PDB file of N, CA and C in Angstrom:
ATOM      1  N   UNK A   1       8.086  16.463   7.486  1.00  0.00           N
ATOM      2  CA  UNK A   1       6.960  15.618   7.854  1.00  0.00           C
ATOM      3  C   UNK A   1       7.002  15.410   9.362  1.00  0.00           C
ATOM      4  N   UNK A   2       5.849  15.407   9.948  1.00  0.00           N
ATOM      5  CA  UNK A   2       5.691  15.165  11.378  1.00  0.00           C
ATOM      6  C   UNK A   2       6.236  13.791  11.746  1.00  0.00           C
ATOM      7  N   UNK A   3       6.811  13.669  12.939  1.00  0.00           N
ATOM      8  CA  UNK A   3       7.397  12.400  13.371  1.00  0.00           C
ATOM      9  C   UNK A   3       6.364  11.274  13.427  1.00  0.00           C
ATOM     10  N   UNK A   4       5.164  11.554  13.918  1.00  0.00           N
ATOM     11  CA  UNK A   4       4.120  10.522  13.985  1.00  0.00           C
ATOM     12  C   UNK A   4       3.760  10.037  12.592  1.00  0.00           C
ATOM     13  N   UNK A   5       3.596  10.971  11.657  1.00  0.00           N
ATOM     14  CA  UNK A   5       3.253  10.585  10.286  1.00  0.00           C
ATOM     15  C   UNK A   5       4.373   9.748   9.670  1.00  0.00           C
ATOM     16  N   UNK A   6       5.613  10.096   9.949  1.00  0.00           N
ATOM     17  CA  UNK A   6       6.756   9.332   9.427  1.00  0.00           C
ATOM     18  C   UNK A   6       6.756   7.898   9.946  1.00  0.00           C
ATOM     19  N   UNK A   7       6.507   7.753  11.234  1.00  0.00           N
ATOM     20  CA  UNK A   7       6.481   6.418  11.847  1.00  0.00           C
ATOM     21  C   UNK A   7       5.330   5.591  11.283  1.00  0.00           C
ATOM     22  N   UNK A   8       4.175   6.198  11.145  1.00  0.00           N
ATOM     23  CA  UNK A   8       3.000   5.487  10.630  1.00  0.00           C
ATOM     24  C   UNK A   8       3.210   5.078   9.173  1.00  0.00           C
ATOM     25  N   UNK A   9       3.810   5.968   8.378  1.00  0.00           N
ATOM     26  CA  UNK A   9       4.072   5.619   6.975  1.00  0.00           C
ATOM     27  C   UNK A   9       5.137   4.528   6.868  1.00  0.00           C
ATOM     28  N   UNK A  10       6.119   4.539   7.755  1.00  0.00           N
ATOM     29  CA  UNK A  10       7.117   3.465   7.767  1.00  0.00           C
ATOM     30  C   UNK A  10       6.457   2.136   8.142  1.00  0.00           C
ATOM     31  N   UNK A  11       5.513   2.184   9.082  1.00  0.00           N
ATOM     32  CA  UNK A  11       4.767   0.970   9.446  1.00  0.00           C
ATOM     33  C   UNK A  11       3.963   0.465   8.249  1.00  0.00           C
ATOM     34  N   UNK A  12       3.381   1.389   7.484  1.00  0.00           N
ATOM     35  CA  UNK A  12       2.631   0.989   6.285  1.00  0.00           C
ATOM     36  C   UNK A  12       3.547   0.254   5.312  1.00  0.00           C
ATOM     37  N   UNK A  13       4.753   0.788   5.109  1.00  0.00           N
ATOM     38  CA  UNK A  13       5.712   0.134   4.215  1.00  0.00           C
ATOM     39  C   UNK A  13       6.058  -1.264   4.723  1.00  0.00           C
ATOM     40  N   UNK A  14       6.301  -1.390   6.007  1.00  0.00           N
ATOM     41  CA  UNK A  14       6.663  -2.688   6.588  1.00  0.00           C
ATOM     42  C   UNK A  14       5.509  -3.680   6.463  1.00  0.00           C
ATOM     43  N   UNK A  15       4.316  -3.275   6.892  1.00  0.00           N
ATOM     44  CA  UNK A  15       3.159  -4.182   6.832  1.00  0.00           C
ATOM     45  C   UNK A  15       2.850  -4.610   5.397  1.00  0.00           C
ATOM     46  N   UNK A  16       2.777  -3.628   4.501  1.00  0.00           N
ATOM     47  CA  UNK A  16       2.400  -3.949   3.127  1.00  0.00           C
ATOM     48  C   UNK A  16       3.454  -4.818   2.454  1.00  0.00           C
ATOM     49  N   UNK A  17       4.727  -4.518   2.720  1.00  0.00           N
ATOM     50  CA  UNK A  17       5.807  -5.317   2.139  1.00  0.00           C
ATOM     51  C   UNK A  17       5.796  -6.752   2.659  1.00  0.00           C
ATOM     52  N   UNK A  18       5.537  -6.933   3.947  1.00  0.00           N
ATOM     53  CA  UNK A  18       5.443  -8.287   4.499  1.00  0.00           C
ATOM     54  C   UNK A  18       4.326  -9.059   3.810  1.00  0.00           C
ATOM     55  N   UNK A  19       3.176  -8.420   3.650  1.00  0.00           N
ATOM     56  CA  UNK A  19       2.053  -9.087   2.987  1.00  0.00           C
ATOM     57  C   UNK A  19       2.357  -9.441   1.547  1.00  0.00           C
ATOM     58  N   UNK A  20       2.865  -8.480   0.787  1.00  0.00           N
ATOM     59  CA  UNK A  20       3.129  -8.705  -0.638  1.00  0.00           C
ATOM     60  C   UNK A  20       4.244  -9.717  -0.850  1.00  0.00           C
ATOM     61  N   UNK A  21       5.358  -9.536  -0.167  1.00  0.00           N
ATOM     62  CA  UNK A  21       6.483 -10.446  -0.384  1.00  0.00           C
ATOM     63  C   UNK A  21       6.272 -11.801   0.278  1.00  0.00           C
ATOM     64  N   UNK A  22       5.531 -11.836   1.379  1.00  0.00           N
ATOM     65  CA  UNK A  22       5.173 -13.123   1.969  1.00  0.00           C
ATOM     66  C   UNK A  22       4.332 -13.943   1.010  1.00  0.00           C
ATOM     67  N   UNK A  23       3.398 -13.277   0.357  1.00  0.00           N
ATOM     68  CA  UNK A  23       2.552 -13.954  -0.632  1.00  0.00           C
ATOM     69  C   UNK A  23       3.378 -14.390  -1.832  1.00  0.00           C
ATOM     70  N   UNK A  24       4.228 -13.508  -2.311  1.00  0.00           N
ATOM     71  CA  UNK A  24       5.064 -13.807  -3.481  1.00  0.00           C
ATOM     72  C   UNK A  24       5.961 -15.014  -3.206  1.00  0.00           C
ATOM     73  N   UNK A  25       6.598 -15.032  -2.048  1.00  0.00           N
ATOM     74  CA  UNK A  25       7.510 -16.128  -1.706  1.00  0.00           C
ATOM     75  C   UNK A  25       6.766 -17.443  -1.513  1.00  0.00           C
ATOM     76  N   UNK A  26       5.593 -17.387  -0.859  1.00  0.00           N
ATOM     77  CA  UNK A  26       4.839 -18.626  -0.621  1.00  0.00           C
ATOM     78  C   UNK A  26       4.164 -19.140  -1.885  1.00  0.00           C
ATOM     79  N   UNK A  27       3.938 -18.247  -2.859  1.00  0.00           N
ATOM     80  CA  UNK A  27       3.335 -18.671  -4.123  1.00  0.00           C
ATOM     81  C   UNK A  27       1.829 -18.802  -4.098  1.00  0.00           C
ATOM     82  N   UNK A  28       1.213 -18.388  -2.992  1.00  0.00           N
ATOM     83  CA  UNK A  28      -0.245 -18.460  -2.904  1.00  0.00           C
ATOM     84  C   UNK A  28      -0.737 -17.477  -1.853  1.00  0.00           C
ATOM     85  N   UNK A  29      -1.900 -16.936  -2.090  1.00  0.00           N
ATOM     86  CA  UNK A  29      -2.517 -15.991  -1.171  1.00  0.00           C
ATOM     87  C   UNK A  29      -3.041 -16.731   0.057  1.00  0.00           C
ATOM     88  N   UNK A  30      -2.740 -16.192   1.232  1.00  0.00           N
ATOM     89  CA  UNK A  30      -3.213 -16.775   2.492  1.00  0.00           C
ATOM     90  C   UNK A  30      -3.876 -15.682   3.312  1.00  0.00           C
ATOM     91  N   UNK A  31      -4.660 -16.079   4.309  1.00  0.00           N
ATOM     92  CA  UNK A  31      -5.380 -15.114   5.136  1.00  0.00           C
ATOM     93  C   UNK A  31      -4.443 -14.138   5.837  1.00  0.00           C
ATOM     94  N   UNK A  32      -3.301 -14.600   6.291  1.00  0.00           N
ATOM     95  CA  UNK A  32      -2.399 -13.698   7.000  1.00  0.00           C
ATOM     96  C   UNK A  32      -1.850 -12.622   6.074  1.00  0.00           C
ATOM     97  N   UNK A  33      -1.744 -12.927   4.764  1.00  0.00           N
ATOM     98  CA  UNK A  33      -1.317 -11.897   3.807  1.00  0.00           C
ATOM     99  C   UNK A  33      -2.355 -10.770   3.776  1.00  0.00           C
ATOM    100  N   UNK A  34      -3.622 -11.158   3.731  1.00  0.00           N
ATOM    101  CA  UNK A  34      -4.697 -10.162   3.724  1.00  0.00           C
ATOM    102  C   UNK A  34      -4.625  -9.276   4.963  1.00  0.00           C
ATOM    103  N   UNK A  35      -4.340  -9.869   6.105  1.00  0.00           N
ATOM    104  CA  UNK A  35      -4.228  -9.076   7.341  1.00  0.00           C
ATOM    105  C   UNK A  35      -3.136  -8.016   7.193  1.00  0.00           C
ATOM    106  N   UNK A  36      -2.004  -8.383   6.617  1.00  0.00           N
ATOM    107  CA  UNK A  36      -0.925  -7.417   6.423  1.00  0.00           C
ATOM    108  C   UNK A  36      -1.272  -6.378   5.355  1.00  0.00           C
ATOM    109  N   UNK A  37      -2.021  -6.778   4.316  1.00  0.00           N
ATOM    110  CA  UNK A  37      -2.478  -5.794   3.323  1.00  0.00           C
ATOM    111  C   UNK A  37      -3.342  -4.733   4.004  1.00  0.00           C
ATOM    112  N   UNK A  38      -4.261  -5.199   4.846  1.00  0.00           N
ATOM    113  CA  UNK A  38      -5.187  -4.279   5.526  1.00  0.00           C
ATOM    114  C   UNK A  38      -4.438  -3.400   6.524  1.00  0.00           C
ATOM    115  N   UNK A  39      -3.506  -3.973   7.263  1.00  0.00           N
ATOM    116  CA  UNK A  39      -2.705  -3.161   8.193  1.00  0.00           C
ATOM    117  C   UNK A  39      -1.919  -2.085   7.439  1.00  0.00           C
ATOM    118  N   UNK A  40      -1.362  -2.445   6.302  1.00  0.00           N
ATOM    119  CA  UNK A  40      -0.653  -1.470   5.476  1.00  0.00           C
ATOM    120  C   UNK A  40      -1.578  -0.375   4.986  1.00  0.00           C
ATOM    121  N   UNK A  41      -2.781  -0.756   4.544  1.00  0.00           N
ATOM    122  CA  UNK A  41      -3.777   0.209   4.075  1.00  0.00           C
ATOM    123  C   UNK A  41      -4.201   1.148   5.199  1.00  0.00           C
ATOM    124  N   UNK A  42      -4.441   0.599   6.373  1.00  0.00           N
ATOM    125  CA  UNK A  42      -4.840   1.426   7.520  1.00  0.00           C
ATOM    126  C   UNK A  42      -3.743   2.434   7.858  1.00  0.00           C
ATOM    127  N   UNK A  43      -2.514   1.962   7.958  1.00  0.00           N
ATOM    128  CA  UNK A  43      -1.409   2.873   8.291  1.00  0.00           C
ATOM    129  C   UNK A  43      -1.195   3.916   7.200  1.00  0.00           C
ATOM    130  N   UNK A  44      -1.293   3.508   5.950  1.00  0.00           N
ATOM    131  CA  UNK A  44      -1.106   4.454   4.849  1.00  0.00           C
ATOM    132  C   UNK A  44      -2.193   5.525   4.857  1.00  0.00           C
ATOM    133  N   UNK A  45      -3.421   5.119   5.057  1.00  0.00           N
ATOM    134  CA  UNK A  45      -4.526   6.073   5.089  1.00  0.00           C
ATOM    135  C   UNK A  45      -4.404   7.005   6.288  1.00  0.00           C
ATOM    136  N   UNK A  46      -4.049   6.464   7.429  1.00  0.00           N
ATOM    137  CA  UNK A  46      -3.859   7.255   8.650  1.00  0.00           C
ATOM    138  C   UNK A  46      -2.714   8.260   8.465  1.00  0.00           C
ATOM    139  N   UNK A  47      -1.570   7.773   7.997  1.00  0.00           N
ATOM    140  CA  UNK A  47      -0.419   8.650   7.775  1.00  0.00           C
ATOM    141  C   UNK A  47      -0.711   9.721   6.735  1.00  0.00           C
ATOM    142  N   UNK A  48      -1.427   9.346   5.686  1.00  0.00           N
ATOM    143  CA  UNK A  48      -1.803  10.317   4.660  1.00  0.00           C
ATOM    144  C   UNK A  48      -2.716  11.383   5.246  1.00  0.00           C
ATOM    145  N   UNK A  49      -3.649  10.974   6.078  1.00  0.00           N
ATOM    146  CA  UNK A  49      -4.542  11.935   6.728  1.00  0.00           C
ATOM    147  C   UNK A  49      -3.777  12.930   7.583  1.00  0.00           C
ATOM    148  N   UNK A  50      -2.794  12.445   8.328  1.00  0.00           N
ATOM    149  CA  UNK A  50      -1.961  13.340   9.141  1.00  0.00           C
ATOM    150  C   UNK A  50      -1.188  14.327   8.265  1.00  0.00           C
ATOM    151  N   UNK A  51      -0.668  13.834   7.159  1.00  0.00           N
ATOM    152  CA  UNK A  51       0.085  14.709   6.261  1.00  0.00           C
ATOM    153  C   UNK A  51      -0.823  15.735   5.583  1.00  0.00           C
ATOM    154  N   UNK A  52      -2.026  15.321   5.221  1.00  0.00           N
ATOM    155  CA  UNK A  52      -2.964  16.260   4.605  1.00  0.00           C
ATOM    156  C   UNK A  52      -3.304  17.393   5.570  1.00  0.00           C
ATOM    157  N   UNK A  53      -3.442  17.052   6.858  1.00  0.00           N
ATOM    158  CA  UNK A  53      -3.695  18.087   7.870  1.00  0.00           C
ATOM    159  C   UNK A  53      -2.525  19.061   7.966  1.00  0.00           C
ATOM    160  N   UNK A  54      -1.304  18.529   7.883  1.00  0.00           N
ATOM    161  CA  UNK A  54      -0.114  19.381   8.005  1.00  0.00           C
ATOM    162  C   UNK A  54       0.024  20.359   6.846  1.00  0.00           C
ATOM    163  N   UNK A  55      -0.291  19.898   5.627  1.00  0.00           N
ATOM    164  CA  UNK A  55      -0.091  20.755   4.452  1.00  0.00           C
ATOM    165  C   UNK A  55      -1.353  21.501   4.048  1.00  0.00           C
ATOM    166  N   UNK A  56      -2.458  21.236   4.722  1.00  0.00           N
ATOM    167  CA  UNK A  56      -3.691  21.964   4.437  1.00  0.00           C
ATOM    168  C   UNK A  56      -4.524  21.400   3.305  1.00  0.00           C
ATOM    169  N   UNK A  57      -4.337  20.137   2.963  1.00  0.00           N
ATOM    170  CA  UNK A  57      -5.180  19.501   1.953  1.00  0.00           C
ATOM    171  C   UNK A  57      -4.374  18.811   0.867  1.00  0.00           C
ATOM    172  N   UNK A  58      -5.120  18.317  -0.091  1.00  0.00           N
ATOM    173  CA  UNK A  58      -4.554  17.548  -1.207  1.00  0.00           C
ATOM    174  C   UNK A  58      -3.707  18.448  -2.105  1.00  0.00           C
ATOM    175  N   UNK A  59      -2.560  17.934  -2.523  1.00  0.00           N
ATOM    176  CA  UNK A  59      -1.731  18.626  -3.505  1.00  0.00           C
ATOM    177  C   UNK A  59      -1.877  17.903  -4.840  1.00  0.00           C
ATOM    178  N   UNK A  60      -2.059  18.650  -5.884  1.00  0.00           N
ATOM    179  CA  UNK A  60      -2.271  18.049  -7.200  1.00  0.00           C
ATOM    180  C   UNK A  60      -0.963  18.036  -7.988  1.00  0.00           C
ATOM    181  N   UNK A  61       0.013  17.348  -7.392  1.00  0.00           N
ATOM    182  CA  UNK A  61       1.302  17.116  -8.038  1.00  0.00           C
ATOM    183  C   UNK A  61       1.479  15.602  -8.145  1.00  0.00           C
ATOM    184  N   UNK A  62       2.642  15.161  -8.597  1.00  0.00           N
ATOM    185  CA  UNK A  62       2.856  13.722  -8.778  1.00  0.00           C
ATOM    186  C   UNK A  62       2.712  12.957  -7.463  1.00  0.00           C
ATOM    187  N   UNK A  63       3.139  13.560  -6.372  1.00  0.00           N
ATOM    188  CA  UNK A  63       3.038  12.888  -5.078  1.00  0.00           C
ATOM    189  C   UNK A  63       1.583  12.744  -4.640  1.00  0.00           C
ATOM    190  N   UNK A  64       0.819  13.810  -4.726  1.00  0.00           N
ATOM    191  CA  UNK A  64      -0.579  13.775  -4.294  1.00  0.00           C
ATOM    192  C   UNK A  64      -1.437  12.865  -5.153  1.00  0.00           C
ATOM    193  N   UNK A  65      -1.272  12.967  -6.462  1.00  0.00           N
ATOM    194  CA  UNK A  65      -2.091  12.159  -7.375  1.00  0.00           C
ATOM    195  C   UNK A  65      -1.711  10.686  -7.296  1.00  0.00           C
ATOM    196  N   UNK A  66      -0.402  10.403  -7.288  1.00  0.00           N
ATOM    197  CA  UNK A  66       0.014   8.994  -7.194  1.00  0.00           C
ATOM    198  C   UNK A  66      -0.353   8.412  -5.832  1.00  0.00           C
ATOM    199  N   UNK A  67      -0.343   9.234  -4.779  1.00  0.00           N
ATOM    200  CA  UNK A  67      -0.758   8.771  -3.457  1.00  0.00           C
ATOM    201  C   UNK A  67      -2.226   8.391  -3.421  1.00  0.00           C
ATOM    202  N   UNK A  68      -3.055   9.215  -4.048  1.00  0.00           N
ATOM    203  CA  UNK A  68      -4.487   8.902  -4.118  1.00  0.00           C
ATOM    204  C   UNK A  68      -4.725   7.616  -4.908  1.00  0.00           C
ATOM    205  N   UNK A  69      -4.052   7.487  -6.035  1.00  0.00           N
ATOM    206  CA  UNK A  69      -4.169   6.268  -6.844  1.00  0.00           C
ATOM    207  C   UNK A  69      -3.721   5.054  -6.039  1.00  0.00           C
ATOM    208  N   UNK A  70      -2.627   5.201  -5.302  1.00  0.00           N
ATOM    209  CA  UNK A  70      -2.099   4.082  -4.516  1.00  0.00           C
ATOM    210  C   UNK A  70      -3.079   3.637  -3.432  1.00  0.00           C
ATOM    211  N   UNK A  71      -3.688   4.585  -2.728  1.00  0.00           N
ATOM    212  CA  UNK A  71      -4.658   4.209  -1.683  1.00  0.00           C
ATOM    213  C   UNK A  71      -5.867   3.512  -2.296  1.00  0.00           C
ATOM    214  N   UNK A  72      -6.340   4.002  -3.426  1.00  0.00           N
ATOM    215  CA  UNK A  72      -7.470   3.354  -4.104  1.00  0.00           C
ATOM    216  C   UNK A  72      -7.089   1.939  -4.521  1.00  0.00           C
ATOM    217  N   UNK A  73      -5.901   1.786  -5.102  1.00  0.00           N
ATOM    218  CA  UNK A  73      -5.446   0.449  -5.508  1.00  0.00           C
ATOM    219  C   UNK A  73      -5.273  -0.483  -4.311  1.00  0.00           C
ATOM    220  N   UNK A  74      -4.754   0.042  -3.208  1.00  0.00           N
ATOM    221  CA  UNK A  74      -4.589  -0.777  -2.005  1.00  0.00           C
ATOM    222  C   UNK A  74      -5.946  -1.265  -1.490  1.00  0.00           C
ATOM    223  N   UNK A  75      -6.946  -0.398  -1.535  1.00  0.00           N
ATOM    224  CA  UNK A  75      -8.285  -0.791  -1.105  1.00  0.00           C
ATOM    225  C   UNK A  75      -8.847  -1.875  -2.024  1.00  0.00           C
ATOM    226  N   UNK A  76      -8.736  -1.665  -3.336  1.00  0.00           N
ATOM    227  CA  UNK A  76      -9.199  -2.672  -4.308  1.00  0.00           C
ATOM    228  C   UNK A  76      -8.447  -3.982  -4.103  1.00  0.00           C
ATOM    229  N   UNK A  77      -7.151  -3.887  -3.886  1.00  0.00           N
ATOM    230  CA  UNK A  77      -6.300  -5.058  -3.666  1.00  0.00           C
ATOM    231  C   UNK A  77      -6.771  -5.871  -2.460  1.00  0.00           C
ATOM    232  N   UNK A  78      -7.006  -5.203  -1.337  1.00  0.00           N
ATOM    233  CA  UNK A  78      -7.454  -5.891  -0.127  1.00  0.00           C
ATOM    234  C   UNK A  78      -8.842  -6.501  -0.326  1.00  0.00           C
ATOM    235  N   UNK A  79      -9.732  -5.758  -0.954  1.00  0.00           N
ATOM    236  CA  UNK A  79     -11.086  -6.260  -1.211  1.00  0.00           C
ATOM    237  C   UNK A  79     -11.053  -7.474  -2.133  1.00  0.00           C
ATOM    238  N   UNK A  80     -10.258  -7.395  -3.183  1.00  0.00           N
ATOM    239  CA  UNK A  80     -10.150  -8.510  -4.120  1.00  0.00           C
ATOM    240  C   UNK A  80      -9.524  -9.728  -3.432  1.00  0.00           C
ATOM    241  N   UNK A  81      -8.521  -9.514  -2.580  1.00  0.00           N
ATOM    242  CA  UNK A  81      -7.917 -10.628  -1.836  1.00  0.00           C
ATOM    243  C   UNK A  81      -8.960 -11.311  -0.961  1.00  0.00           C
ATOM    244  N   UNK A  82      -9.795 -10.520  -0.300  1.00  0.00           N
ATOM    245  CA  UNK A  82     -10.864 -11.088   0.529  1.00  0.00           C
ATOM    246  C   UNK A  82     -11.808 -11.938  -0.315  1.00  0.00           C
ATOM    247  N   UNK A  83     -12.212 -11.433  -1.465  1.00  0.00           N
ATOM    248  CA  UNK A  83     -13.128 -12.163  -2.349  1.00  0.00           C
ATOM    249  C   UNK A  83     -12.495 -13.464  -2.832  1.00  0.00           C
ATOM    250  N   UNK A  84     -11.233 -13.397  -3.248  1.00  0.00           N
ATOM    251  CA  UNK A  84     -10.530 -14.599  -3.724  1.00  0.00           C
ATOM    252  C   UNK A  84     -10.445 -15.641  -2.611  1.00  0.00           C
ATOM    253  N   UNK A  85     -10.111 -15.213  -1.403  1.00  0.00           N
ATOM    254  CA  UNK A  85     -10.005 -16.161  -0.293  1.00  0.00           C
ATOM    255  C   UNK A  85     -11.356 -16.757   0.080  1.00  0.00           C
ATOM    256  N   UNK A  86     -12.402 -15.957   0.054  1.00  0.00           N
ATOM    257  CA  UNK A  86     -13.735 -16.471   0.376  1.00  0.00           C
ATOM    258  C   UNK A  86     -14.239 -17.446  -0.678  1.00  0.00           C
ATOM    259  N   UNK A  87     -13.938 -17.184  -1.936  1.00  0.00           N
ATOM    260  CA  UNK A  87     -14.372 -18.070  -3.026  1.00  0.00           C
ATOM    261  C   UNK A  87     -13.552 -19.357  -3.088  1.00  0.00           C
ATOM    262  N   UNK A  88     -12.350 -19.313  -2.500  1.00  0.00           N
ATOM    263  CA  UNK A  88     -11.439 -20.464  -2.502  1.00  0.00           C
ATOM    264  C   UNK A  88     -11.096 -20.924  -3.923  1.00  0.00           C
ATOM    265  N   UNK A  89     -10.953 -19.951  -4.825  1.00  0.00           N
ATOM    266  CA  UNK A  89     -10.580 -20.220  -6.217  1.00  0.00           C
ATOM    267  C   UNK A  89      -9.070 -20.473  -6.275  1.00  0.00           C
ATOM    268  N   UNK A  90      -8.695 -21.726  -6.443  1.00  0.00           N
ATOM    269  CA  UNK A  90      -7.290 -22.114  -6.353  1.00  0.00           C
ATOM    270  C   UNK A  90      -6.420 -21.414  -7.397  1.00  0.00           C
ATOM    271  N   UNK A  91      -6.905 -21.270  -8.613  1.00  0.00           N
ATOM    272  CA  UNK A  91      -6.121 -20.589  -9.646  1.00  0.00           C
ATOM    273  C   UNK A  91      -5.888 -19.120  -9.265  1.00  0.00           C
ATOM    274  N   UNK A  92      -6.924 -18.453  -8.794  1.00  0.00           N
ATOM    275  CA  UNK A  92      -6.802 -17.051  -8.379  1.00  0.00           C
ATOM    276  C   UNK A  92      -5.891 -16.922  -7.161  1.00  0.00           C
ATOM    277  N   UNK A  93      -5.970 -17.880  -6.241  1.00  0.00           N
ATOM    278  CA  UNK A  93      -5.118 -17.857  -5.048  1.00  0.00           C
ATOM    279  C   UNK A  93      -3.644 -17.958  -5.438  1.00  0.00           C
ATOM    280  N   UNK A  94      -3.340 -18.764  -6.442  1.00  0.00           N
ATOM    281  CA  UNK A  94      -1.956 -18.950  -6.866  1.00  0.00           C
ATOM    282  C   UNK A  94      -1.441 -17.815  -7.751  1.00  0.00           C
ATOM    283  N   UNK A  95      -2.335 -17.092  -8.426  1.00  0.00           N
ATOM    284  CA  UNK A  95      -1.905 -16.025  -9.337  1.00  0.00           C
ATOM    285  C   UNK A  95      -2.073 -14.624  -8.764  1.00  0.00           C
ATOM    286  N   UNK A  96      -2.616 -14.515  -7.581  1.00  0.00           N
ATOM    287  CA  UNK A  96      -2.915 -13.210  -7.002  1.00  0.00           C
ATOM    288  C   UNK A  96      -1.668 -12.355  -6.824  1.00  0.00           C
ATOM    289  N   UNK A  97      -0.512 -12.990  -6.592  1.00  0.00           N
ATOM    290  CA  UNK A  97       0.728 -12.255  -6.334  1.00  0.00           C
ATOM    291  C   UNK A  97       1.111 -11.311  -7.463  1.00  0.00           C
ATOM    292  N   UNK A  98       0.651 -11.583  -8.681  1.00  0.00           N
ATOM    293  CA  UNK A  98       0.978 -10.697  -9.804  1.00  0.00           C
ATOM    294  C   UNK A  98       0.357  -9.316  -9.601  1.00  0.00           C
ATOM    295  N   UNK A  99      -0.897  -9.292  -9.180  1.00  0.00           N
ATOM    296  CA  UNK A  99      -1.561  -8.019  -8.907  1.00  0.00           C
ATOM    297  C   UNK A  99      -0.946  -7.363  -7.674  1.00  0.00           C
ATOM    298  N   UNK A 100      -0.616  -8.166  -6.675  1.00  0.00           N
ATOM    299  CA  UNK A 100      -0.026  -7.639  -5.441  1.00  0.00           C
ATOM    300  C   UNK A 100       1.262  -6.881  -5.727  1.00  0.00           C
ATOM    301  N   UNK A 101       2.121  -7.464  -6.521  1.00  0.00           N
ATOM    302  CA  UNK A 101       3.398  -6.833  -6.827  1.00  0.00           C
ATOM    303  C   UNK A 101       3.190  -5.527  -7.598  1.00  0.00           C
ATOM    304  N   UNK A 102       2.243  -5.522  -8.523  1.00  0.00           N
ATOM    305  CA  UNK A 102       1.922  -4.303  -9.273  1.00  0.00           C
ATOM    306  C   UNK A 102       1.474  -3.187  -8.327  1.00  0.00           C
ATOM    307  N   UNK A 103       0.540  -3.505  -7.432  1.00  0.00           N
ATOM    308  CA  UNK A 103       0.029  -2.497  -6.494  1.00  0.00           C
ATOM    309  C   UNK A 103       1.158  -2.002  -5.591  1.00  0.00           C
ATOM    310  N   UNK A 104       1.997  -2.897  -5.117  1.00  0.00           N
ATOM    311  CA  UNK A 104       3.111  -2.518  -4.246  1.00  0.00           C
ATOM    312  C   UNK A 104       4.059  -1.564  -4.962  1.00  0.00           C
ATOM    313  N   UNK A 105       4.380  -1.863  -6.222  1.00  0.00           N
ATOM    314  CA  UNK A 105       5.275  -0.996  -6.992  1.00  0.00           C
ATOM    315  C   UNK A 105       4.659   0.383  -7.219  1.00  0.00           C
ATOM    316  N   UNK A 106       3.369   0.441  -7.519  1.00  0.00           N
ATOM    317  CA  UNK A 106       2.685   1.728  -7.670  1.00  0.00           C
ATOM    318  C   UNK A 106       2.724   2.478  -6.343  1.00  0.00           C
ATOM    319  N   UNK A 107       2.511   1.773  -5.231  1.00  0.00           N
ATOM    320  CA  UNK A 107       2.502   2.398  -3.911  1.00  0.00           C
ATOM    321  C   UNK A 107       3.857   3.013  -3.563  1.00  0.00           C
ATOM    322  N   UNK A 108       4.935   2.423  -4.059  1.00  0.00           N
ATOM    323  CA  UNK A 108       6.265   2.951  -3.765  1.00  0.00           C
ATOM    324  C   UNK A 108       6.508   4.336  -4.376  1.00  0.00           C
ATOM    325  N   UNK A 109       5.802   4.666  -5.442  1.00  0.00           N
ATOM    326  CA  UNK A 109       5.988   5.979  -6.088  1.00  0.00           C
ATOM    327  C   UNK A 109       5.696   7.111  -5.110  1.00  0.00           C
ATOM    328  N   UNK A 110       4.492   7.177  -4.498  1.00  0.00           N
ATOM    329  CA  UNK A 110       4.269   8.267  -3.555  1.00  0.00           C
ATOM    330  C   UNK A 110       5.073   8.115  -2.261  1.00  0.00           C
ATOM    331  N   UNK A 111       5.459   6.895  -1.923  1.00  0.00           N
ATOM    332  CA  UNK A 111       6.245   6.703  -0.705  1.00  0.00           C
ATOM    333  C   UNK A 111       7.631   7.340  -0.857  1.00  0.00           C
ATOM    334  N   UNK A 112       8.279   7.091  -1.983  1.00  0.00           N
ATOM    335  CA  UNK A 112       9.647   7.577  -2.167  1.00  0.00           C
ATOM    336  C   UNK A 112       9.750   8.907  -2.908  1.00  0.00           C
ATOM    337  N   UNK A 113       8.697   9.362  -3.565  1.00  0.00           N
ATOM    338  CA  UNK A 113       8.805  10.589  -4.363  1.00  0.00           C
ATOM    339  C   UNK A 113       9.250  11.817  -3.568  1.00  0.00           C
ATOM    340  N   UNK A 114       8.830  12.018  -2.315  1.00  0.00           N
ATOM    341  CA  UNK A 114       9.342  13.193  -1.597  1.00  0.00           C
ATOM    342  C   UNK A 114      10.864  13.178  -1.446  1.00  0.00           C
ATOM    343  N   UNK A 115      11.442  12.008  -1.247  1.00  0.00           N
ATOM    344  CA  UNK A 115      12.896  11.914  -1.116  1.00  0.00           C
ATOM    345  C   UNK A 115      13.583  12.289  -2.427  1.00  0.00           C
ATOM    346  N   UNK A 116      13.048  11.781  -3.542  1.00  0.00           N
ATOM    347  CA  UNK A 116      13.650  12.079  -4.834  1.00  0.00           C
ATOM    348  C   UNK A 116      13.511  13.554  -5.185  1.00  0.00           C
ATOM    349  N   UNK A 117      12.377  14.131  -4.875  1.00  0.00           N
ATOM    350  CA  UNK A 117      12.176  15.561  -5.165  1.00  0.00           C
ATOM    351  C   UNK A 117      13.099  16.416  -4.307  1.00  0.00           C
ATOM    352  N   UNK A 118      13.350  16.025  -3.070  1.00  0.00           N
ATOM    353  CA  UNK A 118      14.276  16.775  -2.214  1.00  0.00           C
ATOM    354  C   UNK A 118      15.710  16.670  -2.724  1.00  0.00           C
ATOM    355  N   UNK A 119      16.069  15.503  -3.279  1.00  0.00           N
ATOM    356  CA  UNK A 119      17.404  15.342  -3.827  1.00  0.00           C
ATOM    357  C   UNK A 119      17.608  16.201  -5.069  1.00  0.00           C
ATOM    358  N   UNK A 120      16.525  16.430  -5.823  1.00  0.00           N
ATOM    359  CA  UNK A 120      16.615  17.206  -7.053  1.00  0.00           C
ATOM    360  C   UNK A 120      16.764  18.697  -6.801  1.00  0.00           C
ATOM    361  N   UNK A 121      16.432  19.131  -5.594  1.00  0.00           N
ATOM    362  CA  UNK A 121      16.494  20.570  -5.286  1.00  0.00           C
ATOM    363  C   UNK A 121      17.904  20.999  -4.991  1.00  0.00           C
TER     364      UNK A 121
END
């Protein structure tokens, strides 16, 4: 993987993890969590774009498919967080972390799968 793509994907992991775990620890969704979700999404999409250029397009293996699913979920996650915060629904604000953790765990599959596949070779 290109060095720039590696750095950008590492930034995505850091940003998204700060948002998800910050929300989980605080027990409620806050605006700054949304900012970190979006920063993670931007870095992930950017890094994925760089990697797609390097390999010549989408790969239809576990990494490519789970990566596409993860980006879609991250987008839905950020959009839903925005809606919950704008509506000021207290129950949704306090329970949002459940969806956040699910999306984060799904996102880890394409993040770590290249390492696991290299170890298997």
